[in-house]
Amino acid sequence: MKSLVLFSREDCDLCERLSAALSPLIAGRATLEMVDIDDDPALVKRYGLRIPVLVGGDNELSGFPLDVDRVERYLVDSDG
């Protein structure tokens, strides 16, 4: 099963909306880890105001709005 990471922050409406749109797409196909960038100064420096950022493997797959096609390609790609 694939793994995805959603970099977000508390009380981020766009982060919540992206997560909600993502849930039915990945159901039974991938796990999702939510990471609050405010818990890590390096993540704040890296992502800052660009959140939400969805990452699969070493690739940034989407921000908001959700890039369904790119996420779908990641989910079906056997190489990850």
N, C-alpha and C. Protein backbone atom coordinates (compact mmCIF):
# COMPACT_ATOMS: atom_id res chain seq x y z
N MET A 1 0.85 -1.18 0.00
CA MET A 1 0.00 0.00 0.00
C MET A 1 0.89 1.23 0.00
N LYS A 2 0.52 2.21 -0.79
CA LYS A 2 1.27 3.46 -0.89
C LYS A 2 1.08 4.30 0.36
N SER A 3 2.01 5.22 0.57
CA SER A 3 1.94 6.16 1.68
C SER A 3 1.99 7.58 1.15
N LEU A 4 1.17 8.43 1.72
CA LEU A 4 1.14 9.84 1.38
C LEU A 4 1.32 10.64 2.66
N VAL A 5 1.91 11.83 2.52
CA VAL A 5 2.07 12.75 3.65
C VAL A 5 1.43 14.07 3.24
N LEU A 6 0.58 14.59 4.10
CA LEU A 6 -0.03 15.89 3.87
C LEU A 6 0.55 16.88 4.88
N PHE A 7 1.37 17.80 4.38
CA PHE A 7 1.94 18.83 5.23
C PHE A 7 0.90 19.93 5.35
N SER A 8 0.58 20.26 6.60
CA SER A 8 -0.51 21.19 6.87
C SER A 8 -0.20 21.96 8.15
N ARG A 9 -1.20 22.65 8.63
CA ARG A 9 -1.09 23.30 9.95
C ARG A 9 -2.49 23.36 10.55
N GLU A 10 -2.53 23.55 11.84
CA GLU A 10 -3.79 23.60 12.57
C GLU A 10 -4.65 24.75 12.06
N ASP A 11 -5.96 24.51 12.00
CA ASP A 11 -6.93 25.52 11.59
C ASP A 11 -6.70 26.03 10.15
N CYS A 12 -6.24 25.15 9.28
CA CYS A 12 -6.01 25.50 7.88
C CYS A 12 -7.18 24.97 7.06
N ASP A 13 -8.05 25.87 6.61
CA ASP A 13 -9.22 25.47 5.85
C ASP A 13 -8.85 24.75 4.55
N LEU A 14 -7.86 25.25 3.84
CA LEU A 14 -7.45 24.60 2.60
C LEU A 14 -6.92 23.19 2.86
N CYS A 15 -6.20 23.02 3.98
CA CYS A 15 -5.68 21.70 4.34
C CYS A 15 -6.83 20.73 4.60
N GLU A 16 -7.82 21.18 5.32
CA GLU A 16 -8.98 20.34 5.62
C GLU A 16 -9.75 19.99 4.34
N ARG A 17 -9.88 20.96 3.45
CA ARG A 17 -10.59 20.70 2.20
C ARG A 17 -9.83 19.73 1.31
N LEU A 18 -8.50 19.86 1.26
CA LEU A 18 -7.71 18.93 0.46
C LEU A 18 -7.80 17.53 1.04
N SER A 19 -7.71 17.41 2.34
CA SER A 19 -7.82 16.10 3.00
C SER A 19 -9.16 15.45 2.71
N ALA A 20 -10.22 16.23 2.78
CA ALA A 20 -11.56 15.70 2.52
C ALA A 20 -11.71 15.24 1.07
N ALA A 21 -11.14 15.99 0.13
CA ALA A 21 -11.21 15.60 -1.28
C ALA A 21 -10.35 14.37 -1.56
N LEU A 22 -9.29 14.23 -0.81
CA LEU A 22 -8.35 13.12 -1.00
C LEU A 22 -8.88 11.80 -0.45
N SER A 23 -9.62 11.86 0.64
CA SER A 23 -10.06 10.65 1.35
C SER A 23 -10.73 9.61 0.46
N PRO A 24 -11.73 9.96 -0.36
CA PRO A 24 -12.35 8.92 -1.18
C PRO A 24 -11.42 8.39 -2.28
N LEU A 25 -10.49 9.21 -2.73
CA LEU A 25 -9.56 8.79 -3.78
C LEU A 25 -8.58 7.73 -3.28
N ILE A 26 -8.15 7.84 -2.03
CA ILE A 26 -7.13 6.93 -1.53
C ILE A 26 -7.69 5.79 -0.69
N ALA A 27 -8.97 5.78 -0.42
CA ALA A 27 -9.57 4.76 0.45
C ALA A 27 -9.17 3.35 0.00
N GLY A 28 -8.52 2.61 0.88
CA GLY A 28 -8.10 1.25 0.60
C GLY A 28 -6.90 1.14 -0.32
N ARG A 29 -6.34 2.28 -0.73
CA ARG A 29 -5.23 2.27 -1.68
C ARG A 29 -3.95 2.88 -1.13
N ALA A 30 -4.08 3.71 -0.10
CA ALA A 30 -2.92 4.40 0.45
C ALA A 30 -3.22 4.84 1.87
N THR A 31 -2.14 5.03 2.62
CA THR A 31 -2.27 5.60 3.96
C THR A 31 -1.94 7.09 3.86
N LEU A 32 -2.50 7.85 4.77
CA LEU A 32 -2.26 9.29 4.79
C LEU A 32 -1.78 9.69 6.17
N GLU A 33 -0.62 10.33 6.21
CA GLU A 33 -0.07 10.88 7.44
C GLU A 33 -0.19 12.39 7.36
N MET A 34 -0.80 12.98 8.37
CA MET A 34 -0.92 14.43 8.45
C MET A 34 0.24 14.94 9.31
N VAL A 35 0.99 15.91 8.79
CA VAL A 35 2.12 16.48 9.51
C VAL A 35 1.90 17.98 9.66
N ASP A 36 1.87 18.43 10.91
CA ASP A 36 1.72 19.85 11.20
C ASP A 36 3.09 20.50 11.08
N ILE A 37 3.27 21.35 10.08
CA ILE A 37 4.59 21.94 9.86
C ILE A 37 5.03 22.83 11.01
N ASP A 38 4.08 23.34 11.79
CA ASP A 38 4.44 24.23 12.89
C ASP A 38 5.17 23.51 14.02
N ASP A 39 5.20 22.18 13.97
CA ASP A 39 5.94 21.40 14.97
C ASP A 39 7.41 21.26 14.62
N ASP A 40 7.83 21.76 13.46
CA ASP A 40 9.21 21.59 13.00
C ASP A 40 9.65 22.84 12.24
N PRO A 41 10.57 23.60 12.82
CA PRO A 41 11.02 24.83 12.16
C PRO A 41 11.55 24.61 10.74
N ALA A 42 12.17 23.47 10.48
CA ALA A 42 12.67 23.19 9.12
C ALA A 42 11.52 23.06 8.13
N LEU A 43 10.41 22.46 8.57
CA LEU A 43 9.24 22.34 7.69
C LEU A 43 8.58 23.70 7.47
N VAL A 44 8.56 24.53 8.50
CA VAL A 44 8.00 25.88 8.34
C VAL A 44 8.83 26.64 7.31
N LYS A 45 10.15 26.51 7.40
CA LYS A 45 11.02 27.19 6.44
C LYS A 45 10.81 26.65 5.03
N ARG A 46 10.64 25.34 4.91
CA ARG A 46 10.49 24.71 3.59
C ARG A 46 9.14 25.02 2.95
N TYR A 47 8.06 24.90 3.73
CA TYR A 47 6.72 25.02 3.14
C TYR A 47 6.04 26.35 3.42
N GLY A 48 6.30 26.96 4.56
CA GLY A 48 5.75 28.26 4.88
C GLY A 48 4.28 28.39 4.54
N LEU A 49 3.95 29.31 3.66
CA LEU A 49 2.57 29.58 3.28
C LEU A 49 2.09 28.71 2.11
N ARG A 50 2.93 27.78 1.62
CA ARG A 50 2.54 26.95 0.48
C ARG A 50 1.61 25.80 0.87
N ILE A 51 1.38 25.60 2.14
CA ILE A 51 0.55 24.48 2.55
C ILE A 51 -0.89 24.67 2.09
N PRO A 52 -1.61 23.61 1.87
CA PRO A 52 -1.23 22.23 2.06
C PRO A 52 -0.35 21.73 0.91
N VAL A 53 0.53 20.80 1.25
CA VAL A 53 1.37 20.14 0.25
C VAL A 53 1.25 18.64 0.48
N LEU A 54 0.87 17.93 -0.57
CA LEU A 54 0.73 16.48 -0.52
C LEU A 54 1.96 15.86 -1.17
N VAL A 55 2.60 14.94 -0.43
CA VAL A 55 3.82 14.31 -0.89
C VAL A 55 3.63 12.80 -0.93
N GLY A 56 4.10 12.21 -2.03
CA GLY A 56 4.13 10.76 -2.17
C GLY A 56 5.55 10.36 -2.51
N GLY A 57 6.17 9.56 -1.66
CA GLY A 57 7.58 9.24 -1.88
C GLY A 57 8.40 10.51 -1.78
N ASP A 58 9.19 10.77 -2.81
CA ASP A 58 10.02 11.99 -2.85
C ASP A 58 9.40 13.09 -3.71
N ASN A 59 8.14 12.91 -4.10
CA ASN A 59 7.50 13.83 -5.03
C ASN A 59 6.37 14.62 -4.41
N GLU A 60 6.39 15.93 -4.65
CA GLU A 60 5.24 16.75 -4.29
C GLU A 60 4.17 16.50 -5.34
N LEU A 61 3.04 15.97 -4.91
CA LEU A 61 1.98 15.59 -5.83
C LEU A 61 0.93 16.67 -6.04
N SER A 62 0.68 17.45 -5.01
CA SER A 62 -0.41 18.40 -5.12
C SER A 62 -0.35 19.43 -4.00
N GLY A 63 -0.96 20.53 -4.28
CA GLY A 63 -1.31 21.52 -3.28
C GLY A 63 -2.82 21.62 -3.36
N PHE A 64 -3.35 22.81 -3.09
CA PHE A 64 -4.79 23.01 -3.23
C PHE A 64 -5.02 23.86 -4.47
N PRO A 65 -5.94 23.47 -5.34
CA PRO A 65 -6.85 22.33 -5.25
C PRO A 65 -6.14 21.01 -5.57
N LEU A 66 -6.77 19.92 -5.17
CA LEU A 66 -6.21 18.59 -5.35
C LEU A 66 -6.01 18.27 -6.83
N ASP A 67 -4.80 17.85 -7.18
CA ASP A 67 -4.49 17.39 -8.53
C ASP A 67 -4.80 15.90 -8.60
N VAL A 68 -6.07 15.58 -8.87
CA VAL A 68 -6.56 14.21 -8.85
C VAL A 68 -5.78 13.33 -9.83
N ASP A 69 -5.52 13.83 -11.02
CA ASP A 69 -4.81 13.03 -12.02
C ASP A 69 -3.41 12.64 -11.57
N ARG A 70 -2.70 13.58 -11.00
CA ARG A 70 -1.33 13.29 -10.54
C ARG A 70 -1.33 12.30 -9.38
N VAL A 71 -2.26 12.46 -8.45
CA VAL A 71 -2.36 11.53 -7.33
C VAL A 71 -2.74 10.14 -7.85
N GLU A 72 -3.67 10.09 -8.77
CA GLU A 72 -4.08 8.81 -9.36
C GLU A 72 -2.90 8.11 -10.03
N ARG A 73 -2.10 8.85 -10.77
CA ARG A 73 -0.91 8.27 -11.42
C ARG A 73 0.05 7.71 -10.37
N TYR A 74 0.24 8.43 -9.27
CA TYR A 74 1.11 7.95 -8.20
C TYR A 74 0.56 6.66 -7.60
N LEU A 75 -0.74 6.59 -7.41
CA LEU A 75 -1.35 5.42 -6.79
C LEU A 75 -1.25 4.17 -7.67
N VAL A 76 -1.30 4.32 -8.97
CA VAL A 76 -1.24 3.16 -9.86
C VAL A 76 0.17 2.83 -10.33
N ASP A 77 1.11 3.74 -10.15
CA ASP A 77 2.50 3.51 -10.57
C ASP A 77 3.16 2.49 -9.64
N SER A 78 3.57 1.37 -10.18
CA SER A 78 4.16 0.30 -9.36
C SER A 78 5.52 0.70 -8.80
N ASP A 79 6.16 1.72 -9.36
CA ASP A 79 7.46 2.13 -8.87
C ASP A 79 7.37 3.14 -7.72
N GLY A 80 6.14 3.64 -7.45
CA GLY A 80 5.98 4.60 -6.37
C GLY A 80 6.27 5.97 -6.82
